[in-house]
Protein backbone atom coordinates (compact mmCIF):
# COMPACT_ATOMS: atom_id res chain seq x y z
CA MET A 1 -14.97 6.07 0.60
CA THR A 2 -15.60 3.68 -2.28
CA ALA A 3 -12.70 5.17 -4.23
CA LEU A 4 -10.46 4.55 -1.23
CA ARG A 5 -11.64 0.95 -1.03
CA ASP A 6 -11.14 0.45 -4.77
CA ALA A 7 -7.60 1.85 -4.61
CA TYR A 8 -6.83 -0.49 -1.72
CA HIS A 9 -8.17 -3.56 -3.54
CA VAL A 10 -6.07 -2.95 -6.66
CA HIS A 11 -2.97 -2.05 -4.60
CA ASP A 12 -2.86 1.47 -6.05
CA ILE A 13 -0.57 3.24 -3.58
CA GLU A 14 -0.55 6.55 -5.45
CA GLY A 15 -4.33 6.58 -5.78
CA PHE A 16 -4.80 5.63 -2.13
CA GLN A 17 -2.47 8.38 -0.92
CA SER A 18 -3.94 11.00 -3.24
CA ILE A 19 -7.46 10.24 -1.99
CA VAL A 20 -6.32 10.58 1.62
CA ALA A 21 -4.39 13.78 0.87
CA ASN A 22 -7.19 15.39 -1.16
CA PRO A 23 -8.71 18.18 1.01
CA LYS A 24 -12.26 17.34 -0.09
CA SER A 25 -12.08 13.66 0.81
CA HIS A 26 -9.62 14.09 3.70
CA ASP A 27 -12.25 15.56 6.02
CA ALA A 28 -14.75 12.82 5.23
CA ILE A 29 -12.18 10.06 5.66
CA MET A 30 -10.55 11.41 8.80
CA GLY A 31 -13.95 12.29 10.22
CA ASP A 32 -14.67 8.59 10.59
CA PRO A 33 -13.07 7.46 13.87
CA PHE A 34 -12.61 3.87 12.69
CA ILE A 35 -10.82 4.91 9.48
CA ARG A 36 -8.74 7.52 11.29
CA GLU A 37 -7.58 4.87 13.75
CA HIS A 38 -6.58 2.39 11.03
CA ILE A 39 -5.41 4.56 8.11
CA GLU A 40 -1.70 4.22 8.97
CA SER A 41 -1.89 0.43 9.19
CA LEU A 42 -3.80 0.37 5.88
CA LEU A 43 -1.08 2.46 4.22
CA LYS A 44 1.62 0.17 5.62
CA LEU A 45 -0.27 -2.92 4.48
CA ILE A 46 -0.84 -1.66 0.93
CA ARG A 47 2.84 -0.68 0.65
CA THR A 48 3.91 -4.10 1.92
CA GLN A 49 1.60 -5.91 -0.49
CA LYS A 50 2.92 -3.87 -3.41
CA LEU A 51 6.53 -4.55 -2.37
CA VAL A 52 5.88 -8.29 -2.08
CA LYS A 53 4.27 -8.26 -5.52
CA VAL A 54 7.45 -6.69 -6.94
CA ILE A 55 9.83 -9.01 -5.06
CA VAL A 56 8.10 -12.36 -5.70
CA PRO A 57 9.67 -12.97 -9.13
CA TYR A 58 13.13 -12.62 -7.56
CA LYS A 59 12.59 -14.84 -4.55
CA ARG A 60 14.50 -17.78 -6.06
CA TYR A 61 17.42 -15.80 -7.43
CA GLU A 62 20.82 -17.51 -7.38
CA SER A 63 24.10 -15.84 -7.93
CA LYS A 64 27.34 -17.74 -8.34
CA ILE A 65 29.28 -14.59 -7.51
CA PHE A 66 28.41 -14.99 -3.83
CA GLN A 67 29.20 -18.71 -3.68
CA LYS A 68 32.55 -19.87 -2.44
CA THR A 69 34.47 -22.19 -4.73
């Protein structure tokens, strides 16, 4: 569980998904009703956070190609 939390805090999508998919940890994680109920929203949230982190440098992009003259 701590590895899952650590992967979430550093926005490590691959690590998060591999922990959930690992047969050894999968039973422990999915055995917890609270985690099982919220795992999909956690995956969506970590993906969204990672995407925002990638997009932020381009948020003020201007292109004169799209401007009418």
